[in-house]
All heavy atoms as atom14 arrays in JSON, in Angstrom:
{
  "sequence": "ASGRTFSGYAMGWFRQAPGKEREFVAAAAWMSANTYYADSVKGRFTI",
  "atom14_mask": [
    [1, 1, 1, 1, 1, 0, 0, 0, 0, 0, 0, 0, 0, 0],
    [1, 1, 1, 1, 1, 1, 0, 0, 0, 0, 0, 0, 0, 0],
    [1, 1, 1, 1, 0, 0, 0, 0, 0, 0, 0, 0, 0, 0],
    [1, 1, 1, 1, 1, 1, 1, 1, 1, 1, 1, 0, 0, 0],
    [1, 1, 1, 1, 1, 1, 1, 0, 0, 0, 0, 0, 0, 0],
    [1, 1, 1, 1, 1, 1, 1, 1, 1, 1, 1, 0, 0, 0],
    [1, 1, 1, 1, 1, 1, 0, 0, 0, 0, 0, 0, 0, 0],
    [1, 1, 1, 1, 0, 0, 0, 0, 0, 0, 0, 0, 0, 0],
    [1, 1, 1, 1, 1, 1, 1, 1, 1, 1, 1, 1, 0, 0],
    [1, 1, 1, 1, 1, 0, 0, 0, 0, 0, 0, 0, 0, 0],
    [1, 1, 1, 1, 1, 1, 1, 1, 0, 0, 0, 0, 0, 0],
    [1, 1, 1, 1, 0, 0, 0, 0, 0, 0, 0, 0, 0, 0],
    [1, 1, 1, 1, 1, 1, 1, 1, 1, 1, 1, 1, 1, 1],
    [1, 1, 1, 1, 1, 1, 1, 1, 1, 1, 1, 0, 0, 0],
    [1, 1, 1, 1, 1, 1, 1, 1, 1, 1, 1, 0, 0, 0],
    [1, 1, 1, 1, 1, 1, 1, 1, 1, 0, 0, 0, 0, 0],
    [1, 1, 1, 1, 1, 0, 0, 0, 0, 0, 0, 0, 0, 0],
    [1, 1, 1, 1, 1, 1, 1, 0, 0, 0, 0, 0, 0, 0],
    [1, 1, 1, 1, 0, 0, 0, 0, 0, 0, 0, 0, 0, 0],
    [1, 1, 1, 1, 1, 1, 1, 1, 1, 0, 0, 0, 0, 0],
    [1, 1, 1, 1, 1, 1, 1, 1, 1, 0, 0, 0, 0, 0],
    [1, 1, 1, 1, 1, 1, 1, 1, 1, 1, 1, 0, 0, 0],
    [1, 1, 1, 1, 1, 1, 1, 1, 1, 0, 0, 0, 0, 0],
    [1, 1, 1, 1, 1, 1, 1, 1, 1, 1, 1, 0, 0, 0],
    [1, 1, 1, 1, 1, 1, 1, 0, 0, 0, 0, 0, 0, 0],
    [1, 1, 1, 1, 1, 0, 0, 0, 0, 0, 0, 0, 0, 0],
    [1, 1, 1, 1, 1, 0, 0, 0, 0, 0, 0, 0, 0, 0],
    [1, 1, 1, 1, 1, 0, 0, 0, 0, 0, 0, 0, 0, 0],
    [1, 1, 1, 1, 1, 0, 0, 0, 0, 0, 0, 0, 0, 0],
    [1, 1, 1, 1, 1, 1, 1, 1, 1, 1, 1, 1, 1, 1],
    [1, 1, 1, 1, 1, 1, 1, 1, 0, 0, 0, 0, 0, 0],
    [1, 1, 1, 1, 1, 1, 0, 0, 0, 0, 0, 0, 0, 0],
    [1, 1, 1, 1, 1, 0, 0, 0, 0, 0, 0, 0, 0, 0],
    [1, 1, 1, 1, 1, 1, 1, 1, 0, 0, 0, 0, 0, 0],
    [1, 1, 1, 1, 1, 1, 1, 0, 0, 0, 0, 0, 0, 0],
    [1, 1, 1, 1, 1, 1, 1, 1, 1, 1, 1, 1, 0, 0],
    [1, 1, 1, 1, 1, 1, 1, 1, 1, 1, 1, 1, 0, 0],
    [1, 1, 1, 1, 1, 0, 0, 0, 0, 0, 0, 0, 0, 0],
    [1, 1, 1, 1, 1, 1, 1, 1, 0, 0, 0, 0, 0, 0],
    [1, 1, 1, 1, 1, 1, 0, 0, 0, 0, 0, 0, 0, 0],
    [1, 1, 1, 1, 1, 1, 1, 0, 0, 0, 0, 0, 0, 0],
    [1, 1, 1, 1, 1, 1, 1, 1, 1, 0, 0, 0, 0, 0],
    [1, 1, 1, 1, 0, 0, 0, 0, 0, 0, 0, 0, 0, 0],
    [1, 1, 1, 1, 1, 1, 1, 1, 1, 1, 1, 0, 0, 0],
    [1, 1, 1, 1, 1, 1, 1, 1, 1, 1, 1, 0, 0, 0],
    [1, 1, 1, 1, 1, 1, 1, 0, 0, 0, 0, 0, 0, 0],
    [1, 1, 1, 1, 1, 1, 1, 1, 0, 0, 0, 0, 0, 0]
  ],
  "atom14_positions": [
    [[0.84, -1.19, 0.0], [0.01, -0.03, 0.02], [0.88, 1.23, 0.0], [1.9, 1.27, 0.6], [-0.92, 0.01, 1.19], [0.0, 0.0, 0.0], [0.0, 0.0, 0.0], [0.0, 0.0, 0.0], [0.0, 0.0, 0.0], [0.0, 0.0, 0.0], [0.0, 0.0, 0.0], [0.0, 0.0, 0.0], [0.0, 0.0, 0.0], [0.0, 0.0, 0.0]],
    [[0.39, 2.25, -0.68], [1.07, 3.53, -0.69], [0.03, 4.64, -0.6], [-1.12, 4.45, -0.97], [1.93, 3.68, -1.93], [1.12, 3.65, -3.1], [0.0, 0.0, 0.0], [0.0, 0.0, 0.0], [0.0, 0.0, 0.0], [0.0, 0.0, 0.0], [0.0, 0.0, 0.0], [0.0, 0.0, 0.0], [0.0, 0.0, 0.0], [0.0, 0.0, 0.0]],
    [[0.45, 5.78, -0.12], [-0.43, 6.94, -0.09], [-1.13, 7.17, 1.21], [-1.73, 8.21, 1.4], [0.0, 0.0, 0.0], [0.0, 0.0, 0.0], [0.0, 0.0, 0.0], [0.0, 0.0, 0.0], [0.0, 0.0, 0.0], [0.0, 0.0, 0.0], [0.0, 0.0, 0.0], [0.0, 0.0, 0.0], [0.0, 0.0, 0.0], [0.0, 0.0, 0.0]],
    [[-1.15, 6.18, 2.12], [-1.84, 6.37, 3.37], [-1.29, 5.38, 4.39], [-0.94, 4.27, 4.02], [-3.35, 6.16, 3.21], [-4.15, 6.51, 4.47], [-5.59, 6.17, 4.23], [-5.88, 4.74, 4.23], [-7.04, 4.19, 3.85], [-7.99, 4.96, 3.45], [-7.16, 2.89, 3.9], [0.0, 0.0, 0.0], [0.0, 0.0, 0.0], [0.0, 0.0, 0.0]],
    [[-1.28, 5.76, 5.62], [-0.8, 4.81, 6.68], [-1.77, 3.66, 6.81], [-2.97, 3.8, 6.64], [-0.65, 5.54, 8.0], [-0.24, 4.58, 8.98], [-2.0, 6.17, 8.45], [0.0, 0.0, 0.0], [0.0, 0.0, 0.0], [0.0, 0.0, 0.0], [0.0, 0.0, 0.0], [0.0, 0.0, 0.0], [0.0, 0.0, 0.0], [0.0, 0.0, 0.0]],
    [[-1.23, 2.51, 7.14], [-2.03, 1.33, 7.33], [-2.74, 1.32, 8.68], [-3.74, 0.67, 8.84], [-1.11, 0.11, 7.31], [-1.19, -0.71, 6.08], [-1.81, -0.27, 4.95], [-0.61, -1.94, 6.05], [-1.91, -1.03, 3.82], [-0.7, -2.74, 4.9], [-1.35, -2.29, 3.79], [0.0, 0.0, 0.0], [0.0, 0.0, 0.0], [0.0, 0.0, 0.0]],
    [[-2.19, 1.97, 9.61], [-2.61, 1.84, 11.0], [-4.11, 2.08, 11.18], [-4.6, 3.11, 10.76], [-1.8, 2.75, 11.89], [-2.21, 2.59, 13.27], [0.0, 0.0, 0.0], [0.0, 0.0, 0.0], [0.0, 0.0, 0.0], [0.0, 0.0, 0.0], [0.0, 0.0, 0.0], [0.0, 0.0, 0.0], [0.0, 0.0, 0.0], [0.0, 0.0, 0.0]],
    [[-4.8, 1.16, 11.81], [-6.21, 1.36, 12.1], [-7.2, 0.84, 11.07], [-8.38, 1.01, 11.25], [0.0, 0.0, 0.0], [0.0, 0.0, 0.0], [0.0, 0.0, 0.0], [0.0, 0.0, 0.0], [0.0, 0.0, 0.0], [0.0, 0.0, 0.0], [0.0, 0.0, 0.0], [0.0, 0.0, 0.0], [0.0, 0.0, 0.0], [0.0, 0.0, 0.0]],
    [[-6.69, 0.27, 10.0], [-7.59, -0.19, 8.98], [-7.51, -1.7, 8.81], [-6.52, -2.36, 9.19], [-7.21, 0.47, 7.63], [-7.41, 1.96, 7.68], [-6.34, 2.8, 7.94], [-8.68, 2.52, 7.47], [-6.54, 4.16, 7.99], [-8.85, 3.87, 7.51], [-7.78, 4.69, 7.76], [-7.95, 6.06, 7.81], [0.0, 0.0, 0.0], [0.0, 0.0, 0.0]],
    [[-8.56, -2.28, 8.24], [-8.59, -3.68, 7.94], [-8.16, -3.95, 6.5], [-8.39, -3.17, 5.63], [-9.99, -4.24, 8.16], [0.0, 0.0, 0.0], [0.0, 0.0, 0.0], [0.0, 0.0, 0.0], [0.0, 0.0, 0.0], [0.0, 0.0, 0.0], [0.0, 0.0, 0.0], [0.0, 0.0, 0.0], [0.0, 0.0, 0.0], [0.0, 0.0, 0.0]],
    [[-7.44, -5.04, 6.35], [-7.04, -5.47, 5.01], [-7.63, -6.85, 4.71], [-7.69, -7.68, 5.55], [-5.51, -5.57, 4.94], [-4.81, -4.26, 5.12], [-4.97, -3.19, 3.66], [-4.1, -4.16, 2.41], [0.0, 0.0, 0.0], [0.0, 0.0, 0.0], [0.0, 0.0, 0.0], [0.0, 0.0, 0.0], [0.0, 0.0, 0.0], [0.0, 0.0, 0.0]],
    [[-8.05, -7.0, 3.48], [-8.65, -8.29, 3.08], [-8.13, -8.81, 1.77], [-7.58, -8.05, 0.95], [0.0, 0.0, 0.0], [0.0, 0.0, 0.0], [0.0, 0.0, 0.0], [0.0, 0.0, 0.0], [0.0, 0.0, 0.0], [0.0, 0.0, 0.0], [0.0, 0.0, 0.0], [0.0, 0.0, 0.0], [0.0, 0.0, 0.0], [0.0, 0.0, 0.0]],
    [[-8.23, -10.1, 1.6], [-7.96, -10.77, 0.33], [-9.24, -11.4, -0.17], [-9.96, -12.06, 0.58], [-6.89, -11.86, 0.5], [-5.49, -11.37, 0.63], [-4.82, -11.19, 1.8], [-4.58, -11.0, -0.41], [-3.53, -10.71, 1.54], [-3.41, -10.61, 0.18], [-4.68, -10.94, -1.8], [-2.28, -10.15, -0.57], [-3.58, -10.54, -2.54], [-2.4, -10.14, -1.93]],
    [[-9.53, -11.17, -1.44], [-10.71, -11.79, -2.1], [-10.17, -12.46, -3.38], [-9.07, -12.22, -3.8], [-11.71, -10.71, -2.43], [-12.47, -10.16, -1.21], [-11.82, -9.26, -0.41], [-13.75, -10.51, -0.94], [-12.46, -8.75, 0.72], [-14.41, -10.04, 0.16], [-13.75, -9.12, 1.0], [0.0, 0.0, 0.0], [0.0, 0.0, 0.0], [0.0, 0.0, 0.0]],
    [[-11.03, -13.29, -3.94], [-10.67, -13.93, -5.23], [-11.9, -14.07, -6.09], [-13.02, -14.13, -5.59], [-10.02, -15.28, -4.97], [-10.92, -16.35, -4.4], [-10.14, -17.6, -4.06], [-11.0, -18.64, -3.51], [-10.56, -19.82, -3.04], [-9.25, -20.07, -3.0], [-11.41, -20.72, -2.58], [0.0, 0.0, 0.0], [0.0, 0.0, 0.0], [0.0, 0.0, 0.0]],
    [[-11.63, -14.12, -7.41], [-12.73, -14.28, -8.34], [-12.31, -15.24, -9.44], [-11.32, -14.96, -10.17], [-13.09, -12.91, -8.95], [-14.36, -12.99, -9.82], [-14.9, -11.6, -10.08], [-14.24, -10.6, -9.95], [-16.2, -11.58, -10.48], [0.0, 0.0, 0.0], [0.0, 0.0, 0.0], [0.0, 0.0, 0.0], [0.0, 0.0, 0.0], [0.0, 0.0, 0.0]],
    [[-12.97, -16.35, -9.53], [-12.73, -17.34, -10.55], [-13.6, -17.01, -11.77], [-14.63, -16.35, -11.65], [-13.04, -18.72, -10.05], [0.0, 0.0, 0.0], [0.0, 0.0, 0.0], [0.0, 0.0, 0.0], [0.0, 0.0, 0.0], [0.0, 0.0, 0.0], [0.0, 0.0, 0.0], [0.0, 0.0, 0.0], [0.0, 0.0, 0.0], [0.0, 0.0, 0.0]],
    [[-13.24, -17.49, -12.96], [-14.03, -17.2, -14.15], [-15.48, -17.64, -13.99], [-15.74, -18.78, -13.56], [-13.33, -18.04, -15.25], [-11.92, -18.15, -14.75], [-12.02, -18.27, -13.27], [0.0, 0.0, 0.0], [0.0, 0.0, 0.0], [0.0, 0.0, 0.0], [0.0, 0.0, 0.0], [0.0, 0.0, 0.0], [0.0, 0.0, 0.0], [0.0, 0.0, 0.0]],
    [[-16.41, -16.74, -14.29], [-17.8, -17.07, -14.25], [-18.42, -17.09, -12.83], [-19.57, -17.41, -12.68], [0.0, 0.0, 0.0], [0.0, 0.0, 0.0], [0.0, 0.0, 0.0], [0.0, 0.0, 0.0], [0.0, 0.0, 0.0], [0.0, 0.0, 0.0], [0.0, 0.0, 0.0], [0.0, 0.0, 0.0], [0.0, 0.0, 0.0], [0.0, 0.0, 0.0]],
    [[-17.62, -16.72, -11.85], [-18.07, -16.73, -10.45], [-17.97, -15.34, -9.85], [-17.27, -14.47, -10.33], [-17.29, -17.72, -9.6], [-17.47, -19.16, -10.06], [-16.77, -20.12, -9.11], [-17.0, -21.58, -9.49], [-16.32, -22.51, -8.53], [0.0, 0.0, 0.0], [0.0, 0.0, 0.0], [0.0, 0.0, 0.0], [0.0, 0.0, 0.0], [0.0, 0.0, 0.0]],
    [[-18.71, -15.14, -8.77], [-18.66, -13.87, -8.06], [-17.37, -13.76, -7.21], [-16.78, -14.79, -6.82], [-19.88, -13.7, -7.15], [-21.19, -13.62, -7.93], [-22.38, -13.35, -7.06], [-22.18, -13.4, -5.81], [-23.47, -13.07, -7.57], [0.0, 0.0, 0.0], [0.0, 0.0, 0.0], [0.0, 0.0, 0.0], [0.0, 0.0, 0.0], [0.0, 0.0, 0.0]],
    [[-16.99, -12.56, -6.94], [-15.84, -12.35, -6.05], [-16.17, -12.83, -4.66], [-17.26, -12.55, -4.16], [-15.45, -10.87, -6.05], [-14.11, -10.57, -5.39], [-13.7, -9.16, -5.64], [-13.5, -8.84, -7.06], [-13.01, -7.74, -7.53], [-12.56, -6.81, -6.69], [-12.92, -7.56, -8.86], [0.0, 0.0, 0.0], [0.0, 0.0, 0.0], [0.0, 0.0, 0.0]],
    [[-15.27, -13.58, -4.04], [-15.52, -14.18, -2.74], [-14.42, -13.82, -1.75], [-13.24, -13.63, -2.1], [-15.69, -15.68, -2.86], [-14.45, -16.41, -3.29], [-14.66, -17.95, -3.26], [-15.79, -18.41, -3.0], [-13.64, -18.67, -3.5], [0.0, 0.0, 0.0], [0.0, 0.0, 0.0], [0.0, 0.0, 0.0], [0.0, 0.0, 0.0], [0.0, 0.0, 0.0]],
    [[-14.79, -13.8, -0.5], [-13.87, -13.53, 0.59], [-12.89, -14.7, 0.79], [-13.29, -15.85, 0.71], [-14.67, -13.29, 1.89], [-13.81, -13.3, 3.1], [-13.03, -12.18, 3.41], [-13.8, -14.35, 3.99], [-12.28, -12.11, 4.57], [-13.05, -14.34, 5.16], [-12.26, -13.24, 5.41], [0.0, 0.0, 0.0], [0.0, 0.0, 0.0], [0.0, 0.0, 0.0]],
    [[-11.64, -14.36, 1.07], [-10.62, -15.35, 1.32], [-10.09, -15.19, 2.73], [-10.11, -16.16, 3.52], [-9.44, -15.28, 0.32], [-8.33, -16.22, 0.69], [-9.94, -15.5, -1.09], [0.0, 0.0, 0.0], [0.0, 0.0, 0.0], [0.0, 0.0, 0.0], [0.0, 0.0, 0.0], [0.0, 0.0, 0.0], [0.0, 0.0, 0.0], [0.0, 0.0, 0.0]],
    [[-9.59, -14.02, 3.06], [-8.97, -13.8, 4.37], [-8.95, -12.32, 4.67], [-8.97, -11.5, 3.77], [-7.57, -14.38, 4.43], [0.0, 0.0, 0.0], [0.0, 0.0, 0.0], [0.0, 0.0, 0.0], [0.0, 0.0, 0.0], [0.0, 0.0, 0.0], [0.0, 0.0, 0.0], [0.0, 0.0, 0.0], [0.0, 0.0, 0.0], [0.0, 0.0, 0.0]],
    [[-8.89, -11.99, 5.99], [-8.81, -10.57, 6.38], [-8.04, -10.48, 7.67], [-7.97, -11.4, 8.48], [-10.2, -10.01, 6.55], [0.0, 0.0, 0.0], [0.0, 0.0, 0.0], [0.0, 0.0, 0.0], [0.0, 0.0, 0.0], [0.0, 0.0, 0.0], [0.0, 0.0, 0.0], [0.0, 0.0, 0.0], [0.0, 0.0, 0.0], [0.0, 0.0, 0.0]],
    [[-7.46, -9.29, 7.86], [-6.74, -9.0, 9.09], [-7.22, -7.65, 9.62], [-7.21, -6.67, 8.92], [-5.22, -8.93, 8.79], [0.0, 0.0, 0.0], [0.0, 0.0, 0.0], [0.0, 0.0, 0.0], [0.0, 0.0, 0.0], [0.0, 0.0, 0.0], [0.0, 0.0, 0.0], [0.0, 0.0, 0.0], [0.0, 0.0, 0.0], [0.0, 0.0, 0.0]],
    [[-7.63, -7.66, 10.89], [-8.03, -6.46, 11.55], [-6.74, -5.83, 12.16], [-6.1, -6.43, 13.0], [-9.03, -6.75, 12.64], [0.0, 0.0, 0.0], [0.0, 0.0, 0.0], [0.0, 0.0, 0.0], [0.0, 0.0, 0.0], [0.0, 0.0, 0.0], [0.0, 0.0, 0.0], [0.0, 0.0, 0.0], [0.0, 0.0, 0.0], [0.0, 0.0, 0.0]],
    [[-6.49, -4.61, 11.73], [-5.14, -4.06, 12.05], [-4.94, -3.88, 13.56], [-3.88, -4.2, 14.08], [-4.99, -2.73, 11.33], [-3.61, -2.58, 10.77], [-2.63, -1.78, 11.23], [-3.06, -3.3, 9.65], [-1.49, -1.98, 10.44], [-1.74, -2.88, 9.46], [-3.6, -4.25, 8.79], [-0.95, -3.36, 8.46], [-2.79, -4.75, 7.78], [-1.48, -4.32, 7.62]],
    [[-5.89, -3.28, 14.23], [-5.69, -2.9, 15.59], [-5.75, -4.1, 16.56], [-5.01, -4.21, 17.51], [-6.67, -1.84, 16.02], [-6.51, -0.55, 15.29], [-4.86, 0.15, 15.48], [-4.94, 0.63, 17.24], [0.0, 0.0, 0.0], [0.0, 0.0, 0.0], [0.0, 0.0, 0.0], [0.0, 0.0, 0.0], [0.0, 0.0, 0.0], [0.0, 0.0, 0.0]],
    [[-6.71, -5.03, 16.28], [-6.94, -6.13, 17.22], [-6.05, -7.35, 16.93], [-5.95, -8.23, 17.74], [-8.4, -6.56, 17.15], [-8.66, -7.16, 15.92], [0.0, 0.0, 0.0], [0.0, 0.0, 0.0], [0.0, 0.0, 0.0], [0.0, 0.0, 0.0], [0.0, 0.0, 0.0], [0.0, 0.0, 0.0], [0.0, 0.0, 0.0], [0.0, 0.0, 0.0]],
    [[-5.42, -7.31, 15.78], [-4.57, -8.46, 15.35], [-5.39, -9.71, 15.06], [-4.81, -10.77, 14.82], [-3.5, -8.78, 16.36], [0.0, 0.0, 0.0], [0.0, 0.0, 0.0], [0.0, 0.0, 0.0], [0.0, 0.0, 0.0], [0.0, 0.0, 0.0], [0.0, 0.0, 0.0], [0.0, 0.0, 0.0], [0.0, 0.0, 0.0], [0.0, 0.0, 0.0]],
    [[-6.71, -9.61, 15.04], [-7.52, -10.77, 14.71], [-7.43, -11.07, 13.17], [-7.31, -10.13, 12.38], [-8.97, -10.51, 15.04], [-9.21, -10.52, 16.53], [-8.41, -11.07, 17.3], [-10.28, -9.9, 16.99], [0.0, 0.0, 0.0], [0.0, 0.0, 0.0], [0.0, 0.0, 0.0], [0.0, 0.0, 0.0], [0.0, 0.0, 0.0], [0.0, 0.0, 0.0]],
    [[-7.55, -12.34, 12.85], [-7.57, -12.73, 11.46], [-8.8, -13.59, 11.18], [-9.36, -14.19, 12.08], [-6.31, -13.54, 11.07], [-6.17, -14.66, 11.93], [-5.06, -12.68, 11.14], [0.0, 0.0, 0.0], [0.0, 0.0, 0.0], [0.0, 0.0, 0.0], [0.0, 0.0, 0.0], [0.0, 0.0, 0.0], [0.0, 0.0, 0.0], [0.0, 0.0, 0.0]],
    [[-9.22, -13.58, 9.92], [-10.45, -14.22, 9.52], [-10.2, -14.99, 8.23], [-9.49, -14.5, 7.37], [-11.57, -13.19, 9.34], [-11.79, -12.31, 10.51], [-10.96, -11.18, 10.72], [-12.79, -12.55, 11.44], [-11.13, -10.34, 11.81], [-12.98, -11.69, 12.51], [-12.13, -10.61, 12.71], [-12.31, -9.8, 13.83], [0.0, 0.0, 0.0], [0.0, 0.0, 0.0]],
    [[-10.83, -16.15, 8.11], [-10.63, -16.97, 6.92], [-11.93, -17.54, 6.41], [-12.83, -17.9, 7.23], [-9.65, -18.09, 7.22], [-8.28, -17.63, 7.57], [-7.92, -17.47, 8.9], [-7.33, -17.34, 6.6], [-6.64, -17.03, 9.27], [-6.05, -16.91, 6.93], [-5.73, -16.75, 8.27], [-4.47, -16.33, 8.6], [0.0, 0.0, 0.0], [0.0, 0.0, 0.0]],
    [[-12.04, -17.69, 5.12], [-13.12, -18.49, 4.54], [-12.9, -19.94, 4.91], [-11.76, -20.39, 5.02], [-13.15, -18.31, 3.04], [0.0, 0.0, 0.0], [0.0, 0.0, 0.0], [0.0, 0.0, 0.0], [0.0, 0.0, 0.0], [0.0, 0.0, 0.0], [0.0, 0.0, 0.0], [0.0, 0.0, 0.0], [0.0, 0.0, 0.0], [0.0, 0.0, 0.0]],
    [[-13.99, -20.68, 5.08], [-13.88, -22.09, 5.45], [-13.09, -22.87, 4.43], [-12.38, -23.83, 4.77], [-15.29, -22.72, 5.57], [-16.03, -22.22, 6.83], [-15.34, -21.72, 7.71], [-17.25, -22.38, 6.85], [0.0, 0.0, 0.0], [0.0, 0.0, 0.0], [0.0, 0.0, 0.0], [0.0, 0.0, 0.0], [0.0, 0.0, 0.0], [0.0, 0.0, 0.0]],
    [[-13.18, -22.47, 3.17], [-12.5, -23.22, 2.09], [-10.99, -23.1, 2.13], [-10.28, -23.91, 1.55], [-13.01, -22.72, 0.71], [-12.75, -21.3, 0.59], [0.0, 0.0, 0.0], [0.0, 0.0, 0.0], [0.0, 0.0, 0.0], [0.0, 0.0, 0.0], [0.0, 0.0, 0.0], [0.0, 0.0, 0.0], [0.0, 0.0, 0.0], [0.0, 0.0, 0.0]],
    [[-10.46, -22.14, 2.88], [-9.01, -21.95, 2.92], [-8.44, -22.09, 4.33], [-7.22, -22.08, 4.5], [-8.57, -20.57, 2.33], [-9.16, -20.41, 0.93], [-8.98, -19.43, 3.24], [0.0, 0.0, 0.0], [0.0, 0.0, 0.0], [0.0, 0.0, 0.0], [0.0, 0.0, 0.0], [0.0, 0.0, 0.0], [0.0, 0.0, 0.0], [0.0, 0.0, 0.0]],
    [[-9.3, -22.22, 5.28], [-8.87, -22.28, 6.68], [-7.95, -23.47, 6.89], [-8.2, -24.61, 6.43], [-10.08, -22.41, 7.57], [-9.84, -22.03, 9.02], [-11.18, -21.99, 9.8], [-12.12, -20.93, 9.29], [-13.36, -20.81, 10.05], [0.0, 0.0, 0.0], [0.0, 0.0, 0.0], [0.0, 0.0, 0.0], [0.0, 0.0, 0.0], [0.0, 0.0, 0.0]],
    [[-6.82, -23.23, 7.53], [-5.8, -24.26, 7.74], [-4.8, -24.39, 6.63], [-3.77, -25.08, 6.79], [0.0, 0.0, 0.0], [0.0, 0.0, 0.0], [0.0, 0.0, 0.0], [0.0, 0.0, 0.0], [0.0, 0.0, 0.0], [0.0, 0.0, 0.0], [0.0, 0.0, 0.0], [0.0, 0.0, 0.0], [0.0, 0.0, 0.0], [0.0, 0.0, 0.0]],
    [[-5.07, -23.74, 5.5], [-4.13, -23.8, 4.36], [-3.54, -22.46, 4.05], [-2.36, -22.36, 3.64], [-4.88, -24.31, 3.13], [-5.47, -25.71, 3.27], [-5.99, -26.25, 1.93], [-7.07, -25.42, 1.42], [-7.04, -24.8, 0.25], [-5.98, -24.92, -0.55], [-8.08, -24.11, -0.17], [0.0, 0.0, 0.0], [0.0, 0.0, 0.0], [0.0, 0.0, 0.0]],
    [[-4.33, -21.38, 4.22], [-3.83, -20.05, 3.89], [-3.58, -19.27, 5.17], [-4.29, -19.48, 6.21], [-4.9, -19.28, 3.1], [-5.07, -19.77, 1.69], [-4.52, -20.96, 1.23], [-5.89, -19.06, 0.78], [-4.72, -21.43, -0.06], [-6.09, -19.47, -0.49], [-5.5, -20.67, -0.94], [0.0, 0.0, 0.0], [0.0, 0.0, 0.0], [0.0, 0.0, 0.0]],
    [[-2.66, -18.37, 5.15], [-2.34, -17.51, 6.29], [-2.18, -16.06, 5.8], [-1.38, -15.78, 4.94], [-1.04, -17.97, 6.99], [-1.18, -19.32, 7.39], [-0.75, -17.08, 8.22], [0.0, 0.0, 0.0], [0.0, 0.0, 0.0], [0.0, 0.0, 0.0], [0.0, 0.0, 0.0], [0.0, 0.0, 0.0], [0.0, 0.0, 0.0], [0.0, 0.0, 0.0]],
    [[-2.9, -15.17, 6.46], [-2.78, -13.75, 6.21], [-1.88, -13.13, 7.29], [-1.98, -13.48, 8.44], [-4.13, -13.04, 6.13], [-3.97, -11.58, 5.69], [-4.86, -13.12, 7.46], [-5.31, -10.86, 5.4], [0.0, 0.0, 0.0], [0.0, 0.0, 0.0], [0.0, 0.0, 0.0], [0.0, 0.0, 0.0], [0.0, 0.0, 0.0], [0.0, 0.0, 0.0]]
  ]
}
């Protein structure tokens, strides 16, 4: 990221396969350090 400080904001990863809608993959809450994952990637992906 450029142009603004990261602090205090949430960051997320999404993905979109051909012919499908964009879907949530993972997210990180900046201040709380909590992370979130889609069930399909839990245990395999790390944000």
